Amino acid sequence: MVKQTGLKPIAQNRKARHDYHIDDVVEAGLVLTGTEVKSLRLGRASLVDAFGSVRGKELWLQNLHIPEYTHGTWTNHEPRRTRKLLLHRDEMEKLVRAVEQQGVTLVPLSLYFKDGYAKVELATARGKKDYDKRHALAERQANREAQRALSDRSRR
């Protein structure tokens, strides 16, 4: 059997960068069952309501929706079960410290296969206020208009 190499994206949480200020990004592994992996290989997952939590000294990913595998039998998995995150001890302690002391949230940004292993890109993030979101939107709009004006000027 040939070993997979490279990245194969499965799902992205596009709204996370809109709703949160992203501080630090870490790659973590996931503990999955067989039917979950098969469902992910079909490209079926949703990170919309997912978040990371701390229990003791372990990190868990909650509300990640991986639909049931269509060809699965009675051994199929629960779609929204809590899944354990795999990290190096120093990375885990740093994230636990940040969540407990600084009051940040653990938000998954993307889910992908890396060299055949399911990985999640996890970020420590602070929630944005409504005025921050409006400011970011106005800034993006101004940059877009400036680029459009420059390209129109260069065409003439």
Protein backbone atom coordinates (compact mmCIF):
# COMPACT_ATOMS: atom_id res chain seq x y z
CA MET A 1 0.00 0.00 0.00
CA VAL A 2 1.32 3.44 -0.97
CA LYS A 3 1.71 5.97 1.83
CA GLN A 4 -0.02 9.31 1.26
CA THR A 5 2.05 12.48 1.24
CA GLY A 6 1.13 16.16 1.27
CA LEU A 7 -1.93 18.02 2.53
CA LYS A 8 -5.52 17.17 1.66
CA PRO A 9 -7.95 19.78 3.03
CA ILE A 10 -11.26 18.52 4.41
CA ALA A 11 -13.00 21.49 6.05
CA GLN A 12 -12.31 25.11 6.99
CA ASN A 13 -13.88 27.41 9.54
CA ARG A 14 -14.07 30.60 7.48
CA LYS A 15 -16.16 32.46 10.02
CA ALA A 16 -13.52 32.05 12.75
CA ARG A 17 -11.23 34.75 11.34
CA HIS A 18 -14.23 37.07 11.09
CA ASP A 19 -15.48 36.45 14.64
CA TYR A 20 -12.15 36.21 16.51
CA HIS A 21 -8.74 37.86 16.85
CA ILE A 22 -6.37 34.93 16.18
CA ASP A 23 -3.34 34.90 18.51
CA ASP A 24 -1.46 31.61 18.15
CA VAL A 25 -1.97 28.66 15.78
CA VAL A 26 -1.01 25.04 16.58
CA GLU A 27 -1.38 21.80 14.62
CA ALA A 28 -2.93 18.93 16.60
CA GLY A 29 -3.76 15.33 15.85
CA LEU A 30 -7.16 13.75 16.48
CA VAL A 31 -8.17 10.44 18.05
CA LEU A 32 -10.69 9.00 15.58
CA THR A 33 -12.52 5.73 14.99
CA GLY A 34 -12.44 3.84 11.68
CA THR A 35 -15.76 5.07 10.32
CA GLU A 36 -14.85 8.66 11.18
CA VAL A 37 -11.69 8.41 9.09
CA LYS A 38 -13.63 6.89 6.19
CA SER A 39 -16.19 9.69 6.38
CA LEU A 40 -13.40 12.31 6.46
CA ARG A 41 -11.72 10.73 3.43
CA LEU A 42 -14.98 11.41 1.57
CA GLY A 43 -14.51 15.08 2.52
CA ARG A 44 -17.45 15.29 4.88
CA ALA A 45 -17.04 17.38 8.04
CA SER A 46 -18.17 20.68 9.54
CA LEU A 47 -16.24 22.95 11.92
CA VAL A 48 -19.01 25.53 12.31
CA ASP A 49 -19.86 25.01 16.01
CA ALA A 50 -16.61 23.30 17.04
CA PHE A 51 -14.42 24.52 19.90
CA GLY A 52 -11.64 23.21 22.09
CA SER A 53 -11.98 22.63 25.81
CA VAL A 54 -9.71 21.68 28.69
CA ARG A 55 -10.48 18.75 31.01
CA GLY A 56 -7.79 18.21 33.59
CA LYS A 57 -4.57 18.45 31.63
CA GLU A 58 -6.05 17.18 28.35
CA LEU A 59 -7.51 19.03 25.37
CA TRP A 60 -10.73 17.94 23.72
CA LEU A 61 -12.48 19.05 20.53
CA GLN A 62 -16.23 19.38 20.96
CA ASN A 63 -19.08 19.74 18.45
CA LEU A 64 -16.98 18.77 15.42
CA HIS A 65 -19.57 17.27 13.09
CA ILE A 66 -18.40 14.23 11.14
CA PRO A 67 -21.47 12.62 9.54
CA GLU A 68 -21.99 8.89 9.85
CA TYR A 69 -20.28 6.75 7.24
CA THR A 70 -22.94 5.68 4.73
CA HIS A 71 -21.60 2.13 4.34
CA GLY A 72 -21.04 1.69 8.07
CA THR A 73 -22.81 -0.94 10.14
CA TRP A 74 -23.76 -0.99 13.79
CA THR A 75 -20.17 0.07 14.56
CA ASN A 76 -20.80 3.57 13.16
CA HIS A 77 -19.83 6.59 15.26
CA GLU A 78 -21.82 9.45 16.81
CA PRO A 79 -21.58 12.53 14.53
CA ARG A 80 -20.91 15.11 17.29
CA ARG A 81 -18.96 13.12 19.86
CA THR A 82 -16.12 14.72 21.85
CA ARG A 83 -12.71 13.89 20.35
CA LYS A 84 -9.35 13.97 22.08
CA LEU A 85 -6.61 16.22 20.69
CA LEU A 86 -3.03 14.96 20.44
CA LEU A 87 -0.25 17.48 21.12
CA HIS A 88 3.23 17.55 22.58
CA ARG A 89 3.17 18.13 26.34
CA ASP A 90 4.76 21.60 26.20
CA GLU A 91 2.30 22.78 23.52
CA MET A 92 -0.61 21.38 25.53
CA GLU A 93 0.54 23.07 28.76
CA LYS A 94 0.95 26.39 26.94
CA LEU A 95 -2.62 26.18 25.56
CA VAL A 96 -4.07 25.10 28.92
CA ARG A 97 -2.31 28.02 30.62
CA ALA A 98 -3.63 30.46 28.00
CA VAL A 99 -7.21 29.25 28.35
CA GLU A 100 -7.19 29.28 32.16
CA GLN A 101 -5.26 32.51 32.80
CA GLN A 102 -5.89 34.76 29.82
CA GLY A 103 -9.47 33.75 29.09
CA VAL A 104 -9.01 32.89 25.42
CA THR A 105 -10.97 30.36 23.38
CA LEU A 106 -9.63 27.41 21.41
CA VAL A 107 -11.05 27.62 17.89
CA PRO A 108 -10.41 25.07 15.11
CA LEU A 109 -9.50 26.83 11.85
CA SER A 110 -9.16 23.89 9.47
CA LEU A 111 -9.27 20.11 9.27
CA TYR A 112 -7.02 18.22 6.85
CA PHE A 113 -5.01 15.07 6.19
CA LYS A 114 -1.24 15.48 6.44
CA ASP A 115 0.75 12.49 5.24
CA GLY A 116 -2.31 10.28 5.83
CA TYR A 117 -3.02 11.49 9.39
CA ALA A 118 -6.03 13.63 10.30
CA LYS A 119 -4.91 16.99 11.73
CA VAL A 120 -6.73 20.06 12.99
CA GLU A 121 -5.32 23.59 12.99
CA LEU A 122 -6.22 24.96 16.42
CA ALA A 123 -5.94 28.64 17.37
CA THR A 124 -6.09 30.58 20.59
CA ALA A 125 -8.48 33.42 19.90
CA ARG A 126 -10.26 36.36 21.52
CA GLY A 127 -13.79 37.29 20.49
CA LYS A 128 -14.29 40.41 18.38
CA LYS A 129 -16.85 43.04 19.22
CA ASP A 130 -19.35 44.17 16.57
CA TYR A 131 -17.51 47.44 15.97
CA ASP A 132 -14.26 45.50 15.36
CA LYS A 133 -16.01 43.44 12.69
CA ARG A 134 -17.41 46.58 11.02
CA HIS A 135 -13.97 48.23 11.11
CA ALA A 136 -12.32 45.19 9.51
CA LEU A 137 -15.02 45.08 6.82
CA ALA A 138 -14.60 48.81 6.05
CA GLU A 139 -10.82 48.42 5.89
CA ARG A 140 -11.11 45.49 3.47
CA GLN A 141 -13.55 47.51 1.31
CA ALA A 142 -11.17 50.51 1.22
CA ASN A 143 -8.23 48.30 0.21
CA ARG A 144 -10.32 46.73 -2.54
CA GLU A 145 -11.32 50.16 -3.91
CA ALA A 146 -7.72 51.39 -3.79
CA GLN A 147 -6.51 48.33 -5.72
CA ARG A 148 -9.28 48.81 -8.26
CA ALA A 149 -8.32 52.48 -8.73
CA LEU A 150 -4.64 51.56 -9.21
CA SER A 151 -5.46 48.88 -11.76
CA ASP A 152 -7.77 51.28 -13.68
CA ARG A 153 -5.04 53.90 -13.71
CA SER A 154 -2.42 51.45 -14.99
CA ARG A 155 -4.73 50.33 -17.83
CA ARG A 156 -5.04 53.88 -19.18
